[in-house]
Amino acid sequence: MSNSKVYLKVNRVDSDTVEKAKKVTVADIHENMGVGGRAALMGPRMRPISESQPRIAGPAVTAFCWPGDNLMMHRALYLAQPGDVLVIVCNAELSGAQWGDLAAAYAVKKGLAGVVVQGCVRDVDQVRALGLPVWSTHIWPIHPDKRGHGLVNAPVVCEGVEVRPGDLIVADSDAVIRVPRGDAPRIIDAALGKMKKEDEAAEKVRNGEAVWQLSGAEASYASMDVEEIDGAFDD
């Protein structure tokens, strides 16, 4: 029996939802997922390699790679389609770089939306120059092999979050979040509604209203047993 499995097809989140998601922040998506929003956020080690990266959204294509090896990343990259987000996991994160400039150049040529890597990314100057949005847990140039077993387009756990092929991945300067494919249309529509309300609140702030009232902090504070003292603590 083979130690590797490669699924050639992916049931992707619909394109209309992806286009909507490009307009929504990760924070707003997170808040509109309820308690599940905490588990959907990848850990804070996952950071963009460039401060100027745009927000991305797209269906997940996944790769799980053997320590020190990125063969399955290359297979997933070859199978990926325009607009996909490649999600790569190597649990032995410092054992071998999972992503570099040659792969990035090919990803740009194919039209991928971006790449998310639990593991090492190298050639970052060249990758940044190519303009491909990449998030990773490490930048480290250690050489990878290309002969290891693994998985392609199977569920993976990336920086603490289960990602299934075809799920919606959204990433911005705050974080990377996974939205289950079946729930994505509802969650993204709710997040767009929340963003509209926040835009309206921002306009009120520009017109002189206080965040103390607009945020609900005043009402919450009033319901608490807080002693206020008309004086300084050291009077």
C-alpha atoms as a PDB file:
ATOM      1  CA  MET A   1       0.000   0.000   0.000  1.00  0.00           C
ATOM      2  CA  SER A   2       1.296   3.466  -0.913  1.00  0.00           C
ATOM      3  CA  ASN A   3       2.451   5.806   1.834  1.00  0.00           C
ATOM      4  CA  SER A   4       1.210   8.769  -0.218  1.00  0.00           C
ATOM      5  CA  LYS A   5      -2.183   9.860  -1.476  1.00  0.00           C
ATOM      6  CA  VAL A   6      -2.790  12.478  -4.172  1.00  0.00           C
ATOM      7  CA  TYR A   7      -6.346  13.510  -4.991  1.00  0.00           C
ATOM      8  CA  LEU A   8      -6.534  14.995  -8.463  1.00  0.00           C
ATOM      9  CA  LYS A   9      -9.839  16.828  -8.021  1.00  0.00           C
ATOM     10  CA  VAL A  10     -11.037  19.485  -5.568  1.00  0.00           C
ATOM     11  CA  ASN A  11     -14.617  20.560  -4.808  1.00  0.00           C
ATOM     12  CA  ARG A  12     -14.023  24.297  -4.539  1.00  0.00           C
ATOM     13  CA  VAL A  13     -15.936  27.075  -2.810  1.00  0.00           C
ATOM     14  CA  ASP A  14     -17.976  28.974  -5.395  1.00  0.00           C
ATOM     15  CA  SER A  15     -16.386  31.856  -7.288  1.00  0.00           C
ATOM     16  CA  ASP A  16     -19.024  34.452  -6.291  1.00  0.00           C
ATOM     17  CA  THR A  17     -18.242  33.886  -2.618  1.00  0.00           C
ATOM     18  CA  VAL A  18     -14.516  34.150  -3.306  1.00  0.00           C
ATOM     19  CA  GLU A  19     -14.971  37.516  -5.035  1.00  0.00           C
ATOM     20  CA  LYS A  20     -17.012  38.826  -2.103  1.00  0.00           C
ATOM     21  CA  ALA A  21     -14.432  37.544   0.367  1.00  0.00           C
ATOM     22  CA  LYS A  22     -11.716  39.653  -1.265  1.00  0.00           C
ATOM     23  CA  LYS A  23     -13.523  42.723   0.097  1.00  0.00           C
ATOM     24  CA  VAL A  24     -13.763  41.505   3.704  1.00  0.00           C
ATOM     25  CA  THR A  25     -11.130  41.632   6.449  1.00  0.00           C
ATOM     26  CA  VAL A  26     -10.062  38.535   8.327  1.00  0.00           C
ATOM     27  CA  ALA A  27     -11.161  40.229  11.563  1.00  0.00           C
ATOM     28  CA  ASP A  28     -14.725  40.690  10.297  1.00  0.00           C
ATOM     29  CA  ILE A  29     -14.899  37.111   9.020  1.00  0.00           C
ATOM     30  CA  HIS A  30     -13.600  35.828  12.362  1.00  0.00           C
ATOM     31  CA  GLU A  31     -16.220  37.774  14.314  1.00  0.00           C
ATOM     32  CA  ASN A  32     -19.059  36.527  12.107  1.00  0.00           C
ATOM     33  CA  MET A  33     -18.147  32.874  12.661  1.00  0.00           C
ATOM     34  CA  GLY A  34     -19.239  32.932  16.296  1.00  0.00           C
ATOM     35  CA  VAL A  35     -17.304  30.696  18.690  1.00  0.00           C
ATOM     36  CA  GLY A  36     -15.946  28.778  15.693  1.00  0.00           C
ATOM     37  CA  GLY A  37     -14.104  31.877  14.577  1.00  0.00           C
ATOM     38  CA  ARG A  38     -11.396  31.358  17.188  1.00  0.00           C
ATOM     39  CA  ALA A  39     -10.611  27.866  15.927  1.00  0.00           C
ATOM     40  CA  ALA A  40     -10.614  29.087  12.314  1.00  0.00           C
ATOM     41  CA  LEU A  41      -7.746  31.555  12.775  1.00  0.00           C
ATOM     42  CA  MET A  42      -4.262  30.246  12.104  1.00  0.00           C
ATOM     43  CA  GLY A  43      -1.818  31.004  14.907  1.00  0.00           C
ATOM     44  CA  PRO A  44       0.076  34.304  15.099  1.00  0.00           C
ATOM     45  CA  ARG A  45       3.321  32.727  13.871  1.00  0.00           C
ATOM     46  CA  MET A  46       1.753  32.737  10.404  1.00  0.00           C
ATOM     47  CA  ARG A  47       2.827  36.096   8.991  1.00  0.00           C
ATOM     48  CA  PRO A  48       3.011  37.737   5.541  1.00  0.00           C
ATOM     49  CA  ILE A  49       6.535  37.871   4.141  1.00  0.00           C
ATOM     50  CA  SER A  50       5.924  41.387   2.802  1.00  0.00           C
ATOM     51  CA  GLU A  51       4.247  44.364   4.466  1.00  0.00           C
ATOM     52  CA  SER A  52       2.720  45.427   1.156  1.00  0.00           C
ATOM     53  CA  GLN A  53       0.912  42.178   0.376  1.00  0.00           C
ATOM     54  CA  PRO A  54      -2.735  42.540  -0.680  1.00  0.00           C
ATOM     55  CA  ARG A  55      -5.577  40.665   0.961  1.00  0.00           C
ATOM     56  CA  ILE A  56      -6.254  37.372  -0.782  1.00  0.00           C
ATOM     57  CA  ALA A  57      -9.135  34.920  -0.922  1.00  0.00           C
ATOM     58  CA  GLY A  58      -9.452  31.620  -2.744  1.00  0.00           C
ATOM     59  CA  PRO A  59     -10.116  27.893  -2.534  1.00  0.00           C
ATOM     60  CA  ALA A  60      -7.555  25.790  -0.681  1.00  0.00           C
ATOM     61  CA  VAL A  61      -5.305  23.330  -2.471  1.00  0.00           C
ATOM     62  CA  THR A  62      -3.333  21.384   0.141  1.00  0.00           C
ATOM     63  CA  ALA A  63       0.014  19.625   0.442  1.00  0.00           C
ATOM     64  CA  PHE A  64       1.447  17.693   3.386  1.00  0.00           C
ATOM     65  CA  CYS A  65       5.200  17.200   3.031  1.00  0.00           C
ATOM     66  CA  TRP A  66       7.720  14.788   4.498  1.00  0.00           C
ATOM     67  CA  PRO A  67      10.406  16.322   6.776  1.00  0.00           C
ATOM     68  CA  GLY A  68      13.109  18.017   4.753  1.00  0.00           C
ATOM     69  CA  ASP A  69      11.218  17.480   1.502  1.00  0.00           C
ATOM     70  CA  ASN A  70       8.838  19.453  -0.736  1.00  0.00           C
ATOM     71  CA  LEU A  71       7.960  16.957  -3.461  1.00  0.00           C
ATOM     72  CA  MET A  72       4.257  16.977  -2.578  1.00  0.00           C
ATOM     73  CA  MET A  73       4.237  20.780  -2.633  1.00  0.00           C
ATOM     74  CA  HIS A  74       5.408  20.603  -6.233  1.00  0.00           C
ATOM     75  CA  ARG A  75       2.672  18.117  -7.118  1.00  0.00           C
ATOM     76  CA  ALA A  76       0.007  20.315  -5.508  1.00  0.00           C
ATOM     77  CA  LEU A  77       1.378  23.387  -7.292  1.00  0.00           C
ATOM     78  CA  TYR A  78       1.227  21.539 -10.620  1.00  0.00           C
ATOM     79  CA  LEU A  79      -2.415  20.562  -9.990  1.00  0.00           C
ATOM     80  CA  ALA A  80      -3.528  23.985  -8.683  1.00  0.00           C
ATOM     81  CA  GLN A  81      -5.779  26.224 -10.762  1.00  0.00           C
ATOM     82  CA  PRO A  82      -5.937  30.000 -11.200  1.00  0.00           C
ATOM     83  CA  GLY A  83      -7.274  31.708  -8.095  1.00  0.00           C
ATOM     84  CA  ASP A  84      -6.360  28.867  -5.720  1.00  0.00           C
ATOM     85  CA  VAL A  85      -4.523  29.346  -2.425  1.00  0.00           C
ATOM     86  CA  LEU A  86      -1.836  26.713  -1.917  1.00  0.00           C
ATOM     87  CA  VAL A  87      -1.684  25.564   1.728  1.00  0.00           C
ATOM     88  CA  ILE A  88       1.531  23.688   2.537  1.00  0.00           C
ATOM     89  CA  VAL A  89       2.303  21.875   5.784  1.00  0.00           C
ATOM     90  CA  CYS A  90       5.606  20.404   6.942  1.00  0.00           C
ATOM     91  CA  ASN A  91       5.490  19.518  10.632  1.00  0.00           C
ATOM     92  CA  ALA A  92       9.292  19.405  10.799  1.00  0.00           C
ATOM     93  CA  GLU A  93       9.218  23.087   9.978  1.00  0.00           C
ATOM     94  CA  LEU A  94      12.944  23.809   9.959  1.00  0.00           C
ATOM     95  CA  SER A  95      13.950  20.645   8.112  1.00  0.00           C
ATOM     96  CA  GLY A  96      13.746  21.997   4.570  1.00  0.00           C
ATOM     97  CA  ALA A  97      12.353  25.010   2.733  1.00  0.00           C
ATOM     98  CA  GLN A  98       8.896  24.425   1.299  1.00  0.00           C
ATOM     99  CA  TRP A  99       8.759  27.441  -1.014  1.00  0.00           C
ATOM    100  CA  GLY A 100      11.153  29.519  -3.079  1.00  0.00           C
ATOM    101  CA  ASP A 101      11.546  31.761  -6.105  1.00  0.00           C
ATOM    102  CA  LEU A 102      11.145  29.136  -8.839  1.00  0.00           C
ATOM    103  CA  ALA A 103       7.898  27.841  -7.374  1.00  0.00           C
ATOM    104  CA  ALA A 104       6.711  31.417  -6.900  1.00  0.00           C
ATOM    105  CA  ALA A 105       7.442  32.309 -10.528  1.00  0.00           C
ATOM    106  CA  TYR A 106       5.417  29.293 -11.662  1.00  0.00           C
ATOM    107  CA  ALA A 107       2.573  30.191  -9.270  1.00  0.00           C
ATOM    108  CA  VAL A 108       2.442  33.712 -10.709  1.00  0.00           C
ATOM    109  CA  LYS A 109       2.361  32.289 -14.232  1.00  0.00           C
ATOM    110  CA  LYS A 110      -0.534  30.003 -13.272  1.00  0.00           C
ATOM    111  CA  GLY A 111      -2.446  32.819 -11.577  1.00  0.00           C
ATOM    112  CA  LEU A 112      -2.566  31.483  -8.028  1.00  0.00           C
ATOM    113  CA  ALA A 113      -4.020  33.871  -5.456  1.00  0.00           C
ATOM    114  CA  GLY A 114      -1.334  33.149  -2.873  1.00  0.00           C
ATOM    115  CA  VAL A 115       0.498  30.638  -0.700  1.00  0.00           C
ATOM    116  CA  VAL A 116       0.304  29.738   2.995  1.00  0.00           C
ATOM    117  CA  VAL A 117       3.182  27.726   4.461  1.00  0.00           C
ATOM    118  CA  GLN A 118       3.603  26.050   7.827  1.00  0.00           C
ATOM    119  CA  GLY A 119       7.330  25.710   7.417  1.00  0.00           C
ATOM    120  CA  CYS A 120      10.192  27.536   5.728  1.00  0.00           C
ATOM    121  CA  VAL A 121      10.126  29.975   2.834  1.00  0.00           C
ATOM    122  CA  ARG A 122      13.354  31.076   1.164  1.00  0.00           C
ATOM    123  CA  ASP A 123      14.457  33.385  -1.680  1.00  0.00           C
ATOM    124  CA  VAL A 124      12.232  35.997  -0.074  1.00  0.00           C
ATOM    125  CA  ASP A 125      13.739  38.979  -1.904  1.00  0.00           C
ATOM    126  CA  GLN A 126      12.965  37.355  -5.248  1.00  0.00           C
ATOM    127  CA  VAL A 127       9.536  36.154  -4.107  1.00  0.00           C
ATOM    128  CA  ARG A 128       8.648  39.650  -2.936  1.00  0.00           C
ATOM    129  CA  ALA A 129       9.784  41.089  -6.253  1.00  0.00           C
ATOM    130  CA  LEU A 130       7.472  38.669  -8.079  1.00  0.00           C
ATOM    131  CA  GLY A 131       4.518  40.106  -6.153  1.00  0.00           C
ATOM    132  CA  LEU A 132       3.079  36.753  -5.076  1.00  0.00           C
ATOM    133  CA  PRO A 133       1.388  37.026  -1.643  1.00  0.00           C
ATOM    134  CA  VAL A 134       2.955  34.482   0.737  1.00  0.00           C
ATOM    135  CA  TRP A 135       2.368  33.793   4.424  1.00  0.00           C
ATOM    136  CA  SER A 136       4.698  31.538   6.407  1.00  0.00           C
ATOM    137  CA  THR A 137       5.793  30.539   9.894  1.00  0.00           C
ATOM    138  CA  HIS A 138       9.535  30.741   9.083  1.00  0.00           C
ATOM    139  CA  ILE A 139      12.006  32.311   6.680  1.00  0.00           C
ATOM    140  CA  TRP A 140      15.017  29.999   6.367  1.00  0.00           C
ATOM    141  CA  PRO A 141      16.980  28.863   3.287  1.00  0.00           C
ATOM    142  CA  ILE A 142      17.681  25.231   4.229  1.00  0.00           C
ATOM    143  CA  HIS A 143      17.747  22.920   1.183  1.00  0.00           C
ATOM    144  CA  PRO A 144      14.797  20.527   0.633  1.00  0.00           C
ATOM    145  CA  ASP A 145      14.823  17.121  -1.066  1.00  0.00           C
ATOM    146  CA  LYS A 146      12.214  15.978  -3.593  1.00  0.00           C
ATOM    147  CA  ARG A 147      11.633  12.309  -2.891  1.00  0.00           C
ATOM    148  CA  GLY A 148       9.431  12.196   0.212  1.00  0.00           C
ATOM    149  CA  HIS A 149       5.954  10.803   0.709  1.00  0.00           C
ATOM    150  CA  GLY A 150       2.976  12.900   1.750  1.00  0.00           C
ATOM    151  CA  LEU A 151      -0.505  14.030   0.791  1.00  0.00           C
ATOM    152  CA  VAL A 152      -2.034  16.304  -1.836  1.00  0.00           C
ATOM    153  CA  ASN A 153      -5.584  17.637  -1.688  1.00  0.00           C
ATOM    154  CA  ALA A 154      -6.356  15.835   1.552  1.00  0.00           C
ATOM    155  CA  PRO A 155      -7.250  17.530   4.868  1.00  0.00           C
ATOM    156  CA  VAL A 156      -4.261  19.048   6.698  1.00  0.00           C
ATOM    157  CA  VAL A 157      -3.744  20.935   9.946  1.00  0.00           C
ATOM    158  CA  CYS A 158      -1.963  24.207   9.184  1.00  0.00           C
ATOM    159  CA  GLU A 159      -0.767  26.282  12.140  1.00  0.00           C
ATOM    160  CA  GLY A 160      -3.461  24.817  14.360  1.00  0.00           C
ATOM    161  CA  VAL A 161      -6.359  24.923  11.879  1.00  0.00           C
ATOM    162  CA  GLU A 162      -7.824  22.028   9.918  1.00  0.00           C
ATOM    163  CA  VAL A 163      -8.001  22.932   6.231  1.00  0.00           C
ATOM    164  CA  ARG A 164      -9.957  20.805   3.787  1.00  0.00           C
ATOM    165  CA  PRO A 165      -9.380  21.075   0.041  1.00  0.00           C
ATOM    166  CA  GLY A 166     -11.815  23.562  -1.471  1.00  0.00           C
ATOM    167  CA  ASP A 167     -12.355  25.484   1.778  1.00  0.00           C
ATOM    168  CA  LEU A 168     -12.200  29.265   1.549  1.00  0.00           C
ATOM    169  CA  ILE A 169      -8.877  30.747   2.675  1.00  0.00           C
ATOM    170  CA  VAL A 170      -8.709  34.478   3.368  1.00  0.00           C
ATOM    171  CA  ALA A 171      -5.475  36.187   4.430  1.00  0.00           C
ATOM    172  CA  ASP A 172      -4.480  39.764   5.168  1.00  0.00           C
ATOM    173  CA  SER A 173      -1.985  41.629   7.342  1.00  0.00           C
ATOM    174  CA  ASP A 174      -3.758  40.437  10.512  1.00  0.00           C
ATOM    175  CA  ALA A 175      -3.898  36.687   9.961  1.00  0.00           C
ATOM    176  CA  VAL A 176      -4.978  33.741   7.834  1.00  0.00           C
ATOM    177  CA  ILE A 177      -8.429  32.232   8.330  1.00  0.00           C
ATOM    178  CA  ARG A 178     -10.166  29.116   6.998  1.00  0.00           C
ATOM    179  CA  VAL A 179     -13.890  29.202   6.282  1.00  0.00           C
ATOM    180  CA  PRO A 180     -15.591  25.830   5.677  1.00  0.00           C
ATOM    181  CA  ARG A 181     -16.723  25.563   2.077  1.00  0.00           C
ATOM    182  CA  GLY A 182     -20.386  24.899   2.911  1.00  0.00           C
ATOM    183  CA  ASP A 183     -20.633  27.790   5.386  1.00  0.00           C
ATOM    184  CA  ALA A 184     -18.674  30.336   3.367  1.00  0.00           C
ATOM    185  CA  PRO A 185     -21.544  32.076   1.484  1.00  0.00           C
ATOM    186  CA  ARG A 186     -23.474  32.792   4.693  1.00  0.00           C
ATOM    187  CA  ILE A 187     -20.421  33.874   6.692  1.00  0.00           C
ATOM    188  CA  ILE A 188     -19.038  36.166   3.997  1.00  0.00           C
ATOM    189  CA  ASP A 189     -22.423  37.850   3.459  1.00  0.00           C
ATOM    190  CA  ALA A 190     -22.680  38.459   7.219  1.00  0.00           C
ATOM    191  CA  ALA A 191     -19.135  39.853   7.297  1.00  0.00           C
ATOM    192  CA  LEU A 192     -19.938  42.246   4.454  1.00  0.00           C
ATOM    193  CA  GLY A 193     -22.943  43.473   6.439  1.00  0.00           C
ATOM    194  CA  LYS A 194     -20.762  44.046   9.490  1.00  0.00           C
ATOM    195  CA  MET A 195     -18.228  45.984   7.443  1.00  0.00           C
ATOM    196  CA  LYS A 196     -20.998  48.260   6.162  1.00  0.00           C
ATOM    197  CA  LYS A 197     -22.068  49.025   9.746  1.00  0.00           C
ATOM    198  CA  GLU A 198     -18.470  49.733  10.729  1.00  0.00           C
ATOM    199  CA  ASP A 199     -18.080  52.106   7.778  1.00  0.00           C
ATOM    200  CA  GLU A 200     -21.175  53.950   8.986  1.00  0.00           C
ATOM    201  CA  ALA A 201     -19.738  54.097  12.511  1.00  0.00           C
ATOM    202  CA  ALA A 202     -16.417  55.424  11.184  1.00  0.00           C
ATOM    203  CA  GLU A 203     -18.288  58.220   9.431  1.00  0.00           C
ATOM    204  CA  LYS A 204     -19.955  59.122  12.735  1.00  0.00           C
ATOM    205  CA  VAL A 205     -16.539  59.253  14.428  1.00  0.00           C
ATOM    206  CA  ARG A 206     -15.288  61.598  11.714  1.00  0.00           C
ATOM    207  CA  ASN A 207     -18.308  63.771  12.487  1.00  0.00           C
ATOM    208  CA  GLY A 208     -17.389  63.993  16.166  1.00  0.00           C
ATOM    209  CA  GLU A 209     -19.153  61.101  17.899  1.00  0.00           C
ATOM    210  CA  ALA A 210     -17.224  59.120  20.514  1.00  0.00           C
ATOM    211  CA  VAL A 211     -16.202  55.485  20.148  1.00  0.00           C
ATOM    212  CA  TRP A 212     -17.120  55.141  23.844  1.00  0.00           C
ATOM    213  CA  GLN A 213     -20.807  55.243  22.888  1.00  0.00           C
ATOM    214  CA  LEU A 214     -20.658  53.792  19.382  1.00  0.00           C
ATOM    215  CA  SER A 215     -18.769  50.653  20.405  1.00  0.00           C
ATOM    216  CA  GLY A 216     -21.244  49.725  23.132  1.00  0.00           C
ATOM    217  CA  ALA A 217     -18.565  50.215  25.787  1.00  0.00           C
ATOM    218  CA  GLU A 218     -20.616  52.871  27.603  1.00  0.00           C
ATOM    219  CA  ALA A 219     -23.664  50.598  27.959  1.00  0.00           C
ATOM    220  CA  SER A 220     -21.525  47.668  29.094  1.00  0.00           C
ATOM    221  CA  TYR A 221     -19.668  49.827  31.610  1.00  0.00           C
ATOM    222  CA  ALA A 222     -22.936  51.175  33.005  1.00  0.00           C
ATOM    223  CA  SER A 223     -24.122  47.639  33.755  1.00  0.00           C
ATOM    224  CA  MET A 224     -21.039  46.907  35.907  1.00  0.00           C
ATOM    225  CA  ASP A 225     -20.407  47.691  39.565  1.00  0.00           C
ATOM    226  CA  VAL A 226     -17.566  50.174  39.031  1.00  0.00           C
ATOM    227  CA  GLU A 227     -16.629  52.707  41.679  1.00  0.00           C
ATOM    228  CA  GLU A 228     -15.674  56.046  40.137  1.00  0.00           C
ATOM    229  CA  ILE A 229     -13.790  58.501  42.318  1.00  0.00           C
ATOM    230  CA  ASP A 230     -13.678  62.208  41.545  1.00  0.00           C
ATOM    231  CA  GLY A 231      -9.991  62.646  42.265  1.00  0.00           C
ATOM    232  CA  ALA A 232      -6.480  61.325  41.633  1.00  0.00           C
ATOM    233  CA  PHE A 233      -5.341  58.058  43.221  1.00  0.00           C
ATOM    234  CA  ASP A 234      -2.554  59.872  45.117  1.00  0.00           C
ATOM    235  CA  ASP A 235      -4.560  62.836  46.411  1.00  0.00           C
END
